[in-house]
Structure formats: structure tokens, C-alpha cells
């Protein structure tokens, strides 16, 4: 079961929409920083293009939402976030894919089945 902030249908909907809002906010903030990182990697004539670590960006934005909306420290947050995200980049390697080895789970004992 996923972790939600409440047990009612309304709280699950609110958690869902809050997650969508956070992802959209992350995409809007991340876009100009990513364009800057890609342009810098092209200018440096690197073998592979670099991009922003989106998981890191999402976690940073989600953790600091209180500071953004309640304390209204938007400008300092954007400056600090831009510096952090330009330092934490990933290299895009084309045609890099590895198949996953999925292990089959053993069936549970009859003692643990629900009635």
C-alpha cells in the first residue's frame, strides 16, 4: 500500500494533485537550468552531452516548498538551486540499455492468505 497523508478518498486525491503540482513546478524550474547545462556541455566539446539530475532536482524542490511558499524566499532559493543543479549533472550515453533480471517471487504460505 502506498503512503498517503490520510485514509479518505479526499486526502488521497489531494496527495495525488500535490504530487502533480510538485512535478510541474520542478519541470518549470528545471527547464532553463537544463538548457544552460546542455549549452555549456556543447561549448566544452565533451564526448557526451550532460543534463540535470531530475531526481535530485525533484527532491530538492519538494523539500524546500515550505521556504518557497510560506517564507517567500523565492529569489535566493532559485539562485541556490541553480548552483546545486549545475554541479549535480548526469552524462547522457546514447544506446545504453541493460535488460533487468526479474526474479520470480515464491508464493506465500497458506497461513498468510487473507480470508
PDB file of N, CA and C in Angstrom:
ATOM      1  N   UNK A   1       0.844  -1.171   0.000  1.00  0.00           N
ATOM      2  CA  UNK A   1       0.000   0.000   0.000  1.00  0.00           C
ATOM      3  C   UNK A   1       0.896   1.243   0.000  1.00  0.00           C
ATOM      4  N   UNK A   2       0.532   2.206  -0.768  1.00  0.00           N
ATOM      5  CA  UNK A   2       1.296   3.452  -0.840  1.00  0.00           C
ATOM      6  C   UNK A   2       1.033   4.284   0.409  1.00  0.00           C
ATOM      7  N   UNK A   3       1.949   5.174   0.699  1.00  0.00           N
ATOM      8  CA  UNK A   3       1.767   6.004   1.892  1.00  0.00           C
ATOM      9  C   UNK A   3       1.101   7.318   1.495  1.00  0.00           C
ATOM     10  N   UNK A   4      -0.045   7.561   2.070  1.00  0.00           N
ATOM     11  CA  UNK A   4      -0.781   8.794   1.848  1.00  0.00           C
ATOM     12  C   UNK A   4      -0.918   9.510   3.181  1.00  0.00           C
ATOM     13  N   UNK A   5      -1.274  10.772   3.125  1.00  0.00           N
ATOM     14  CA  UNK A   5      -1.369  11.545   4.355  1.00  0.00           C
ATOM     15  C   UNK A   5      -2.644  11.252   5.131  1.00  0.00           C
ATOM     16  N   UNK A   6      -3.602  10.594   4.520  1.00  0.00           N
ATOM     17  CA  UNK A   6      -4.845  10.257   5.199  1.00  0.00           C
ATOM     18  C   UNK A   6      -5.442   8.996   4.631  1.00  0.00           C
ATOM     19  N   UNK A   7      -6.593   8.627   5.138  1.00  0.00           N
ATOM     20  CA  UNK A   7      -7.216   7.385   4.693  1.00  0.00           C
ATOM     21  C   UNK A   7      -8.490   7.610   3.889  1.00  0.00           C
ATOM     22  N   UNK A   8      -8.925   8.858   3.736  1.00  0.00           N
ATOM     23  CA  UNK A   8     -10.146   9.129   2.984  1.00  0.00           C
ATOM     24  C   UNK A   8      -9.815   9.333   1.511  1.00  0.00           C
ATOM     25  N   UNK A   9     -10.845   9.252   0.690  1.00  0.00           N
ATOM     26  CA  UNK A   9     -10.654   9.455  -0.744  1.00  0.00           C
ATOM     27  C   UNK A   9     -10.199  10.879  -1.042  1.00  0.00           C
ATOM     28  N   UNK A  10     -10.679  11.837  -0.281  1.00  0.00           N
ATOM     29  CA  UNK A  10     -10.292  13.233  -0.475  1.00  0.00           C
ATOM     30  C   UNK A  10      -8.806  13.441  -0.197  1.00  0.00           C
ATOM     31  N   UNK A  11      -8.286  12.837   0.849  1.00  0.00           N
ATOM     32  CA  UNK A  11      -6.865  13.009   1.165  1.00  0.00           C
ATOM     33  C   UNK A  11      -5.973  12.341   0.117  1.00  0.00           C
ATOM     34  N   UNK A  12      -6.421  11.217  -0.424  1.00  0.00           N
ATOM     35  CA  UNK A  12      -5.646  10.564  -1.489  1.00  0.00           C
ATOM     36  C   UNK A  12      -5.633  11.433  -2.738  1.00  0.00           C
ATOM     37  N   UNK A  13      -6.781  12.032  -3.078  1.00  0.00           N
ATOM     38  CA  UNK A  13      -6.838  12.943  -4.227  1.00  0.00           C
ATOM     39  C   UNK A  13      -5.932  14.149  -4.019  1.00  0.00           C
ATOM     40  N   UNK A  14      -5.962  14.704  -2.806  1.00  0.00           N
ATOM     41  CA  UNK A  14      -5.113  15.854  -2.517  1.00  0.00           C
ATOM     42  C   UNK A  14      -3.634  15.495  -2.631  1.00  0.00           C
ATOM     43  N   UNK A  15      -3.247  14.324  -2.140  1.00  0.00           N
ATOM     44  CA  UNK A  15      -1.856  13.883  -2.267  1.00  0.00           C
ATOM     45  C   UNK A  15      -1.471  13.701  -3.735  1.00  0.00           C
ATOM     46  N   UNK A  16      -2.390  13.151  -4.513  1.00  0.00           N
ATOM     47  CA  UNK A  16      -2.128  12.945  -5.934  1.00  0.00           C
ATOM     48  C   UNK A  16      -1.922  14.282  -6.645  1.00  0.00           C
ATOM     49  N   UNK A  17      -2.837  15.227  -6.414  1.00  0.00           N
ATOM     50  CA  UNK A  17      -2.728  16.526  -7.078  1.00  0.00           C
ATOM     51  C   UNK A  17      -1.535  17.333  -6.568  1.00  0.00           C
ATOM     52  N   UNK A  18      -1.171  17.163  -5.312  1.00  0.00           N
ATOM     53  CA  UNK A  18       0.027  17.830  -4.788  1.00  0.00           C
ATOM     54  C   UNK A  18       1.277  17.276  -5.466  1.00  0.00           C
ATOM     55  N   UNK A  19       1.289  15.970  -5.722  1.00  0.00           N
ATOM     56  CA  UNK A  19       2.420  15.370  -6.433  1.00  0.00           C
ATOM     57  C   UNK A  19       2.520  15.877  -7.864  1.00  0.00           C
ATOM     58  N   UNK A  20       1.393  16.000  -8.543  1.00  0.00           N
ATOM     59  CA  UNK A  20       1.381  16.531  -9.905  1.00  0.00           C
ATOM     60  C   UNK A  20       1.855  17.980  -9.915  1.00  0.00           C
ATOM     61  N   UNK A  21       1.388  18.765  -8.949  1.00  0.00           N
ATOM     62  CA  UNK A  21       1.822  20.159  -8.846  1.00  0.00           C
ATOM     63  C   UNK A  21       3.325  20.245  -8.625  1.00  0.00           C
ATOM     64  N   UNK A  22       3.856  19.396  -7.742  1.00  0.00           N
ATOM     65  CA  UNK A  22       5.294  19.409  -7.460  1.00  0.00           C
ATOM     66  C   UNK A  22       6.106  19.027  -8.699  1.00  0.00           C
ATOM     67  N   UNK A  23       5.621  18.054  -9.462  1.00  0.00           N
ATOM     68  CA  UNK A  23       6.335  17.657 -10.689  1.00  0.00           C
ATOM     69  C   UNK A  23       6.323  18.773 -11.724  1.00  0.00           C
ATOM     70  N   UNK A  24       5.182  19.433 -11.877  1.00  0.00           N
ATOM     71  CA  UNK A  24       5.101  20.552 -12.828  1.00  0.00           C
ATOM     72  C   UNK A  24       5.983  21.715 -12.397  1.00  0.00           C
ATOM     73  N   UNK A  25       5.992  22.014 -11.119  1.00  0.00           N
ATOM     74  CA  UNK A  25       6.860  23.074 -10.601  1.00  0.00           C
ATOM     75  C   UNK A  25       8.322  22.733 -10.839  1.00  0.00           C
ATOM     76  N   UNK A  26       8.676  21.480 -10.617  1.00  0.00           N
ATOM     77  CA  UNK A  26      10.050  21.033 -10.854  1.00  0.00           C
ATOM     78  C   UNK A  26      10.416  21.168 -12.331  1.00  0.00           C
ATOM     79  N   UNK A  27       9.513  20.796 -13.216  1.00  0.00           N
ATOM     80  CA  UNK A  27       9.789  20.905 -14.650  1.00  0.00           C
ATOM     81  C   UNK A  27       9.967  22.356 -15.072  1.00  0.00           C
ATOM     82  N   UNK A  28       9.142  23.262 -14.516  1.00  0.00           N
ATOM     83  CA  UNK A  28       9.256  24.680 -14.878  1.00  0.00           C
ATOM     84  C   UNK A  28      10.562  25.288 -14.377  1.00  0.00           C
ATOM     85  N   UNK A  29      10.952  24.943 -13.172  1.00  0.00           N
ATOM     86  CA  UNK A  29      12.197  25.486 -12.621  1.00  0.00           C
ATOM     87  C   UNK A  29      13.403  24.853 -13.290  1.00  0.00           C
ATOM     88  N   UNK A  30      13.293  23.574 -13.607  1.00  0.00           N
ATOM     89  CA  UNK A  30      14.412  22.805 -14.146  1.00  0.00           C
ATOM     90  C   UNK A  30      14.735  23.155 -15.600  1.00  0.00           C
ATOM     91  N   UNK A  31      13.756  23.581 -16.380  1.00  0.00           N
ATOM     92  CA  UNK A  31      13.951  23.771 -17.819  1.00  0.00           C
ATOM     93  C   UNK A  31      15.065  24.765 -18.168  1.00  0.00           C
ATOM     94  N   UNK A  32      15.081  25.997 -17.650  1.00  0.00           N
ATOM     95  CA  UNK A  32      16.166  26.913 -18.033  1.00  0.00           C
ATOM     96  C   UNK A  32      17.534  26.464 -17.530  1.00  0.00           C
ATOM     97  N   UNK A  33      17.554  25.809 -16.366  1.00  0.00           N
ATOM     98  CA  UNK A  33      18.834  25.324 -15.846  1.00  0.00           C
ATOM     99  C   UNK A  33      19.369  24.214 -16.730  1.00  0.00           C
ATOM    100  N   UNK A  34      18.484  23.338 -17.190  1.00  0.00           N
ATOM    101  CA  UNK A  34      18.916  22.242 -18.060  1.00  0.00           C
ATOM    102  C   UNK A  34      19.399  22.768 -19.414  1.00  0.00           C
ATOM    103  N   UNK A  35      18.737  23.777 -19.949  1.00  0.00           N
ATOM    104  CA  UNK A  35      19.184  24.365 -21.212  1.00  0.00           C
ATOM    105  C   UNK A  35      20.591  24.944 -21.058  1.00  0.00           C
ATOM    106  N   UNK A  36      20.848  25.584 -19.923  1.00  0.00           N
ATOM    107  CA  UNK A  36      22.158  26.167 -19.653  1.00  0.00           C
ATOM    108  C   UNK A  36      23.231  25.078 -19.541  1.00  0.00           C
ATOM    109  N   UNK A  37      22.917  23.979 -18.849  1.00  0.00           N
ATOM    110  CA  UNK A  37      23.874  22.881 -18.681  1.00  0.00           C
ATOM    111  C   UNK A  37      24.169  22.218 -20.022  1.00  0.00           C
ATOM    112  N   UNK A  38      23.147  22.000 -20.838  1.00  0.00           N
ATOM    113  CA  UNK A  38      23.369  21.383 -22.151  1.00  0.00           C
ATOM    114  C   UNK A  38      24.198  22.282 -23.064  1.00  0.00           C
ATOM    115  N   UNK A  39      23.937  23.583 -23.020  1.00  0.00           N
ATOM    116  CA  UNK A  39      24.707  24.517 -23.837  1.00  0.00           C
ATOM    117  C   UNK A  39      26.166  24.547 -23.394  1.00  0.00           C
ATOM    118  N   UNK A  40      26.401  24.526 -22.094  1.00  0.00           N
ATOM    119  CA  UNK A  40      27.781  24.514 -21.597  1.00  0.00           C
ATOM    120  C   UNK A  40      28.505  23.238 -21.997  1.00  0.00           C
ATOM    121  N   UNK A  41      27.800  22.106 -21.998  1.00  0.00           N
ATOM    122  CA  UNK A  41      28.448  20.856 -22.387  1.00  0.00           C
ATOM    123  C   UNK A  41      28.732  20.826 -23.890  1.00  0.00           C
ATOM    124  N   UNK A  42      27.893  21.495 -24.698  1.00  0.00           N
ATOM    125  CA  UNK A  42      28.177  21.584 -26.139  1.00  0.00           C
ATOM    126  C   UNK A  42      29.374  22.494 -26.396  1.00  0.00           C
ATOM    127  N   UNK A  43      29.443  23.603 -25.664  1.00  0.00           N
ATOM    128  CA  UNK A  43      30.551  24.541 -25.847  1.00  0.00           C
ATOM    129  C   UNK A  43      31.881  23.947 -25.402  1.00  0.00           C
ATOM    130  N   UNK A  44      31.846  23.059 -24.428  1.00  0.00           N
ATOM    131  CA  UNK A  44      33.067  22.439 -23.932  1.00  0.00           C
ATOM    132  C   UNK A  44      33.535  21.295 -24.822  1.00  0.00           C
ATOM    133  N   UNK A  45      32.782  20.976 -25.875  1.00  0.00           N
ATOM    134  CA  UNK A  45      33.108  19.899 -26.816  1.00  0.00           C
ATOM    135  C   UNK A  45      33.334  18.575 -26.098  1.00  0.00           C
ATOM    136  N   UNK A  46      32.429  18.244 -25.203  1.00  0.00           N
ATOM    137  CA  UNK A  46      32.501  16.972 -24.498  1.00  0.00           C
ATOM    138  C   UNK A  46      32.025  15.845 -25.404  1.00  0.00           C
ATOM    139  N   UNK A  47      32.451  14.630 -25.091  1.00  0.00           N
ATOM    140  CA  UNK A  47      32.052  13.482 -25.893  1.00  0.00           C
ATOM    141  C   UNK A  47      30.549  13.237 -25.786  1.00  0.00           C
ATOM    142  N   UNK A  48      30.007  13.371 -24.568  1.00  0.00           N
ATOM    143  CA  UNK A  48      28.579  13.172 -24.338  1.00  0.00           C
ATOM    144  C   UNK A  48      27.983  14.434 -23.729  1.00  0.00           C
ATOM    145  N   UNK A  49      26.724  14.685 -24.030  1.00  0.00           N
ATOM    146  CA  UNK A  49      26.026  15.853 -23.500  1.00  0.00           C
ATOM    147  C   UNK A  49      25.607  15.570 -22.062  1.00  0.00           C
ATOM    148  N   UNK A  50      25.663  16.595 -21.229  1.00  0.00           N
ATOM    149  CA  UNK A  50      25.251  16.459 -19.831  1.00  0.00           C
ATOM    150  C   UNK A  50      23.858  17.054 -19.643  1.00  0.00           C
ATOM    151  N   UNK A  51      23.177  16.560 -18.629  1.00  0.00           N
ATOM    152  CA  UNK A  51      21.847  17.044 -18.283  1.00  0.00           C
ATOM    153  C   UNK A  51      21.702  17.085 -16.770  1.00  0.00           C
ATOM    154  N   UNK A  52      20.685  17.764 -16.306  1.00  0.00           N
ATOM    155  CA  UNK A  52      20.439  17.895 -14.872  1.00  0.00           C
ATOM    156  C   UNK A  52      19.873  16.589 -14.331  1.00  0.00           C
ATOM    157  N   UNK A  53      20.283  16.217 -13.126  1.00  0.00           N
ATOM    158  CA  UNK A  53      19.739  15.047 -12.453  1.00  0.00           C
ATOM    159  C   UNK A  53      18.328  15.378 -11.973  1.00  0.00           C
ATOM    160  N   UNK A  54      17.328  14.851 -12.656  1.00  0.00           N
ATOM    161  CA  UNK A  54      15.942  15.214 -12.376  1.00  0.00           C
ATOM    162  C   UNK A  54      15.451  14.683 -11.030  1.00  0.00           C
ATOM    163  N   UNK A  55      15.939  13.540 -10.609  1.00  0.00           N
ATOM    164  CA  UNK A  55      15.548  13.011  -9.313  1.00  0.00           C
ATOM    165  C   UNK A  55      16.058  13.911  -8.193  1.00  0.00           C
ATOM    166  N   UNK A  56      17.279  14.365  -8.313  1.00  0.00           N
ATOM    167  CA  UNK A  56      17.857  15.274  -7.334  1.00  0.00           C
ATOM    168  C   UNK A  56      17.100  16.601  -7.328  1.00  0.00           C
ATOM    169  N   UNK A  57      16.764  17.103  -8.506  1.00  0.00           N
ATOM    170  CA  UNK A  57      16.025  18.365  -8.597  1.00  0.00           C
ATOM    171  C   UNK A  57      14.658  18.247  -7.942  1.00  0.00           C
ATOM    172  N   UNK A  58      13.955  17.144  -8.189  1.00  0.00           N
ATOM    173  CA  UNK A  58      12.626  16.957  -7.603  1.00  0.00           C
ATOM    174  C   UNK A  58      12.703  16.873  -6.087  1.00  0.00           C
ATOM    175  N   UNK A  59      13.684  16.151  -5.562  1.00  0.00           N
ATOM    176  CA  UNK A  59      13.778  16.033  -4.109  1.00  0.00           C
ATOM    177  C   UNK A  59      14.145  17.368  -3.467  1.00  0.00           C
ATOM    178  N   UNK A  60      15.016  18.148  -4.106  1.00  0.00           N
ATOM    179  CA  UNK A  60      15.372  19.458  -3.556  1.00  0.00           C
ATOM    180  C   UNK A  60      14.172  20.407  -3.548  1.00  0.00           C
ATOM    181  N   UNK A  61      13.406  20.392  -4.616  1.00  0.00           N
ATOM    182  CA  UNK A  61      12.243  21.277  -4.700  1.00  0.00           C
ATOM    183  C   UNK A  61      11.168  20.841  -3.704  1.00  0.00           C
ATOM    184  N   UNK A  62      10.951  19.541  -3.594  1.00  0.00           N
ATOM    185  CA  UNK A  62       9.930  19.053  -2.676  1.00  0.00           C
ATOM    186  C   UNK A  62      10.281  19.363  -1.218  1.00  0.00           C
ATOM    187  N   UNK A  63      11.568  19.253  -0.885  1.00  0.00           N
ATOM    188  CA  UNK A  63      11.987  19.533   0.485  1.00  0.00           C
ATOM    189  C   UNK A  63      11.885  21.020   0.831  1.00  0.00           C
ATOM    190  N   UNK A  64      12.034  21.879  -0.156  1.00  0.00           N
ATOM    191  CA  UNK A  64      12.084  23.312   0.143  1.00  0.00           C
ATOM    192  C   UNK A  64      10.812  24.056  -0.264  1.00  0.00           C
ATOM    193  N   UNK A  65       9.712  23.357  -0.469  1.00  0.00           N
ATOM    194  CA  UNK A  65       8.459  24.022  -0.833  1.00  0.00           C
ATOM    195  C   UNK A  65       7.966  24.949   0.264  1.00  0.00           C
ATOM    196  N   UNK A  66       8.230  24.623   1.517  1.00  0.00           N
ATOM    197  CA  UNK A  66       7.795  25.488   2.614  1.00  0.00           C
ATOM    198  C   UNK A  66       8.490  26.836   2.512  1.00  0.00           C
ATOM    199  N   UNK A  67       9.787  26.806   2.240  1.00  0.00           N
ATOM    200  CA  UNK A  67      10.529  28.054   2.102  1.00  0.00           C
ATOM    201  C   UNK A  67      10.085  28.871   0.909  1.00  0.00           C
ATOM    202  N   UNK A  68       9.634  28.201  -0.137  1.00  0.00           N
ATOM    203  CA  UNK A  68       9.200  28.916  -1.335  1.00  0.00           C
ATOM    204  C   UNK A  68       7.876  29.630  -1.092  1.00  0.00           C
ATOM    205  N   UNK A  69       6.897  28.927  -0.557  1.00  0.00           N
ATOM    206  CA  UNK A  69       5.546  29.465  -0.478  1.00  0.00           C
ATOM    207  C   UNK A  69       5.227  30.175   0.831  1.00  0.00           C
ATOM    208  N   UNK A  70       5.744  29.711   1.940  1.00  0.00           N
ATOM    209  CA  UNK A  70       5.399  30.332   3.217  1.00  0.00           C
ATOM    210  C   UNK A  70       6.362  31.456   3.561  1.00  0.00           C
ATOM    211  N   UNK A  71       7.649  31.203   3.443  1.00  0.00           N
ATOM    212  CA  UNK A  71       8.629  32.220   3.817  1.00  0.00           C
ATOM    213  C   UNK A  71       8.926  33.201   2.692  1.00  0.00           C
ATOM    214  N   UNK A  72       8.465  32.878   1.490  1.00  0.00           N
ATOM    215  CA  UNK A  72       8.603  33.753   0.313  1.00  0.00           C
ATOM    216  C   UNK A  72      10.054  34.118   0.015  1.00  0.00           C
ATOM    217  N   UNK A  73      10.937  33.135   0.111  1.00  0.00           N
ATOM    218  CA  UNK A  73      12.342  33.333  -0.225  1.00  0.00           C
ATOM    219  C   UNK A  73      12.610  32.734  -1.606  1.00  0.00           C
ATOM    220  N   UNK A  74      11.907  33.225  -2.597  1.00  0.00           N
ATOM    221  CA  UNK A  74      11.944  32.627  -3.925  1.00  0.00           C
ATOM    222  C   UNK A  74      13.252  32.935  -4.641  1.00  0.00           C
ATOM    223  N   UNK A  75      13.686  34.172  -4.612  1.00  0.00           N
ATOM    224  CA  UNK A  75      14.868  34.564  -5.375  1.00  0.00           C
ATOM    225  C   UNK A  75      16.125  33.851  -4.877  1.00  0.00           C
ATOM    226  N   UNK A  76      16.332  33.821  -3.571  1.00  0.00           N
ATOM    227  CA  UNK A  76      17.517  33.151  -3.041  1.00  0.00           C
ATOM    228  C   UNK A  76      17.445  31.649  -3.289  1.00  0.00           C
ATOM    229  N   UNK A  77      16.224  31.090  -3.226  1.00  0.00           N
ATOM    230  CA  UNK A  77      16.069  29.668  -3.497  1.00  0.00           C
ATOM    231  C   UNK A  77      16.441  29.333  -4.934  1.00  0.00           C
ATOM    232  N   UNK A  78      15.963  30.122  -5.885  1.00  0.00           N
ATOM    233  CA  UNK A  78      16.259  29.846  -7.289  1.00  0.00           C
ATOM    234  C   UNK A  78      17.755  29.962  -7.587  1.00  0.00           C
ATOM    235  N   UNK A  79      18.412  30.928  -6.971  1.00  0.00           N
ATOM    236  CA  UNK A  79      19.855  31.082  -7.180  1.00  0.00           C
ATOM    237  C   UNK A  79      20.603  29.877  -6.619  1.00  0.00           C
ATOM    238  N   UNK A  80      20.273  29.478  -5.389  1.00  0.00           N
ATOM    239  CA  UNK A  80      20.939  28.333  -4.768  1.00  0.00           C
ATOM    240  C   UNK A  80      20.633  27.036  -5.507  1.00  0.00           C
ATOM    241  N   UNK A  81      19.387  26.866  -5.919  1.00  0.00           N
ATOM    242  CA  UNK A  81      19.013  25.660  -6.648  1.00  0.00           C
ATOM    243  C   UNK A  81      19.749  25.570  -7.981  1.00  0.00           C
ATOM    244  N   UNK A  82      19.861  26.695  -8.681  1.00  0.00           N
ATOM    245  CA  UNK A  82      20.596  26.699  -9.947  1.00  0.00           C
ATOM    246  C   UNK A  82      22.050  26.300  -9.763  1.00  0.00           C
ATOM    247  N   UNK A  83      22.666  26.777  -8.695  1.00  0.00           N
ATOM    248  CA  UNK A  83      24.064  26.406  -8.436  1.00  0.00           C
ATOM    249  C   UNK A  83      24.195  24.924  -8.106  1.00  0.00           C
ATOM    250  N   UNK A  84      23.286  24.414  -7.303  1.00  0.00           N
ATOM    251  CA  UNK A  84      23.360  22.997  -6.926  1.00  0.00           C
ATOM    252  C   UNK A  84      23.119  22.097  -8.132  1.00  0.00           C
ATOM    253  N   UNK A  85      22.111  22.421  -8.937  1.00  0.00           N
ATOM    254  CA  UNK A  85      21.768  21.560 -10.069  1.00  0.00           C
ATOM    255  C   UNK A  85      22.815  21.601 -11.183  1.00  0.00           C
ATOM    256  N   UNK A  86      23.504  22.720 -11.352  1.00  0.00           N
ATOM    257  CA  UNK A  86      24.565  22.747 -12.362  1.00  0.00           C
ATOM    258  C   UNK A  86      25.770  21.925 -11.923  1.00  0.00           C
ATOM    259  N   UNK A  87      25.914  21.709 -10.622  1.00  0.00           N
ATOM    260  CA  UNK A  87      27.012  20.878 -10.124  1.00  0.00           C
ATOM    261  C   UNK A  87      26.663  19.390 -10.150  1.00  0.00           C
ATOM    262  N   UNK A  88      25.388  19.066  -9.996  1.00  0.00           N
ATOM    263  CA  UNK A  88      24.966  17.661  -9.975  1.00  0.00           C
ATOM    264  C   UNK A  88      24.344  17.310 -11.320  1.00  0.00           C
ATOM    265  N   UNK A  89      25.175  17.012 -12.276  1.00  0.00           N
ATOM    266  CA  UNK A  89      24.697  16.679 -13.617  1.00  0.00           C
ATOM    267  C   UNK A  89      24.967  15.217 -13.927  1.00  0.00           C
ATOM    268  N   UNK A  90      24.282  14.722 -14.940  1.00  0.00           N
ATOM    269  CA  UNK A  90      24.463  13.353 -15.421  1.00  0.00           C
ATOM    270  C   UNK A  90      24.883  13.396 -16.876  1.00  0.00           C
ATOM    271  N   UNK A  91      25.623  12.400 -17.284  1.00  0.00           N
ATOM    272  CA  UNK A  91      26.031  12.282 -18.678  1.00  0.00           C
ATOM    273  C   UNK A  91      25.027  11.401 -19.410  1.00  0.00           C
ATOM    274  N   UNK A  92      24.591  11.862 -20.569  1.00  0.00           N
ATOM    275  CA  UNK A  92      23.662  11.080 -21.389  1.00  0.00           C
ATOM    276  C   UNK A  92      24.491  10.220 -22.338  1.00  0.00           C
ATOM    277  N   UNK A  93      24.399   8.922 -22.167  1.00  0.00           N
ATOM    278  CA  UNK A  93      25.118   7.995 -23.047  1.00  0.00           C
ATOM    279  C   UNK A  93      24.092   7.337 -23.967  1.00  0.00           C
ATOM    280  N   UNK A  94      24.165   7.605 -25.265  1.00  0.00           N
ATOM    281  CA  UNK A  94      23.151   7.039 -26.168  1.00  0.00           C
ATOM    282  C   UNK A  94      23.293   5.527 -26.309  1.00  0.00           C
ATOM    283  N   UNK A  95      22.159   4.877 -26.585  1.00  0.00           N
ATOM    284  CA  UNK A  95      22.079   3.434 -26.809  1.00  0.00           C
ATOM    285  C   UNK A  95      22.608   2.639 -25.622  1.00  0.00           C
ATOM    286  N   UNK A  96      22.372   3.119 -24.420  1.00  0.00           N
ATOM    287  CA  UNK A  96      22.829   2.412 -23.229  1.00  0.00           C
ATOM    288  C   UNK A  96      21.603   1.846 -22.534  1.00  0.00           C
ATOM    289  N   UNK A  97      21.427   0.559 -22.652  1.00  0.00           N
ATOM    290  CA  UNK A  97      20.277  -0.104 -22.071  1.00  0.00           C
ATOM    291  C   UNK A  97      20.672  -1.511 -21.662  1.00  0.00           C
ATOM    292  N   UNK A  98      20.292  -1.889 -20.477  1.00  0.00           N
ATOM    293  CA  UNK A  98      20.596  -3.218 -19.981  1.00  0.00           C
ATOM    294  C   UNK A  98      19.307  -3.879 -19.526  1.00  0.00           C
ATOM    295  N   UNK A  99      19.079  -5.124 -19.959  1.00  0.00           N
ATOM    296  CA  UNK A  99      17.849  -5.797 -19.525  1.00  0.00           C
ATOM    297  C   UNK A  99      17.923  -6.135 -18.032  1.00  0.00           C
ATOM    298  N   UNK A 100      16.790  -6.081 -17.389  1.00  0.00           N
ATOM    299  CA  UNK A 100      16.728  -6.412 -15.969  1.00  0.00           C
ATOM    300  C   UNK A 100      16.428  -7.888 -15.795  1.00  0.00           C
ATOM    301  N   UNK A 101      17.025  -8.466 -14.791  1.00  0.00           N
ATOM    302  CA  UNK A 101      16.756  -9.860 -14.454  1.00  0.00           C
ATOM    303  C   UNK A 101      15.723  -9.893 -13.343  1.00  0.00           C
ATOM    304  N   UNK A 102      14.492 -10.175 -13.713  1.00  0.00           N
ATOM    305  CA  UNK A 102      13.405 -10.213 -12.742  1.00  0.00           C
ATOM    306  C   UNK A 102      13.370 -11.587 -12.093  1.00  0.00           C
ATOM    307  N   UNK A 103      13.393 -11.602 -10.778  1.00  0.00           N
ATOM    308  CA  UNK A 103      13.295 -12.855 -10.048  1.00  0.00           C
ATOM    309  C   UNK A 103      11.831 -13.103  -9.704  1.00  0.00           C
ATOM    310  N   UNK A 104      11.408 -14.325  -9.862  1.00  0.00           N
ATOM    311  CA  UNK A 104      10.035 -14.675  -9.533  1.00  0.00           C
ATOM    312  C   UNK A 104       9.922 -14.847  -8.030  1.00  0.00           C
ATOM    313  N   UNK A 105       8.877 -14.258  -7.463  1.00  0.00           N
ATOM    314  CA  UNK A 105       8.658 -14.381  -6.028  1.00  0.00           C
ATOM    315  C   UNK A 105       8.041 -15.736  -5.719  1.00  0.00           C
ATOM    316  N   UNK A 106       8.462 -16.268  -4.587  1.00  0.00           N
ATOM    317  CA  UNK A 106       7.884 -17.526  -4.145  1.00  0.00           C
ATOM    318  C   UNK A 106       6.464 -17.262  -3.647  1.00  0.00           C
ATOM    319  N   UNK A 107       5.555 -18.167  -3.893  1.00  0.00           N
ATOM    320  CA  UNK A 107       4.190 -17.952  -3.382  1.00  0.00           C
ATOM    321  C   UNK A 107       4.186 -17.987  -1.856  1.00  0.00           C
ATOM    322  N   UNK A 108       3.316 -17.168  -1.275  1.00  0.00           N
ATOM    323  CA  UNK A 108       3.225 -17.109   0.173  1.00  0.00           C
ATOM    324  C   UNK A 108       2.576 -18.358   0.712  1.00  0.00           C
ATOM    325  N   UNK A 109       2.882 -18.644   1.936  1.00  0.00           N
ATOM    326  CA  UNK A 109       2.314 -19.809   2.609  1.00  0.00           C
ATOM    327  C   UNK A 109       0.816 -19.620   2.777  1.00  0.00           C
ATOM    328  N   UNK A 110       0.098 -20.692   2.864  1.00  0.00           N
ATOM    329  CA  UNK A 110      -1.345 -20.634   3.063  1.00  0.00           C
ATOM    330  C   UNK A 110      -1.703 -19.974   4.395  1.00  0.00           C
ATOM    331  N   UNK A 111      -0.753 -19.958   5.327  1.00  0.00           N
ATOM    332  CA  UNK A 111      -1.026 -19.372   6.648  1.00  0.00           C
ATOM    333  C   UNK A 111      -1.190 -17.859   6.554  1.00  0.00           C
ATOM    334  N   UNK A 112      -0.618 -17.227   5.521  1.00  0.00           N
ATOM    335  CA  UNK A 112      -0.645 -15.771   5.399  1.00  0.00           C
ATOM    336  C   UNK A 112      -1.691 -15.255   4.421  1.00  0.00           C
ATOM    337  N   UNK A 113      -2.531 -16.108   3.895  1.00  0.00           N
ATOM    338  CA  UNK A 113      -3.565 -15.678   2.952  1.00  0.00           C
ATOM    339  C   UNK A 113      -4.721 -15.027   3.709  1.00  0.00           C
ATOM    340  N   UNK A 114      -5.303 -13.997   3.075  1.00  0.00           N
ATOM    341  CA  UNK A 114      -6.436 -13.328   3.699  1.00  0.00           C
ATOM    342  C   UNK A 114      -7.704 -14.128   3.494  1.00  0.00           C
ATOM    343  N   UNK A 115      -8.640 -13.941   4.399  1.00  0.00           N
ATOM    344  CA  UNK A 115      -9.896 -14.694   4.302  1.00  0.00           C
ATOM    345  C   UNK A 115     -10.988 -13.833   3.759  1.00  0.00           C
TER     346      UNK A 115
END
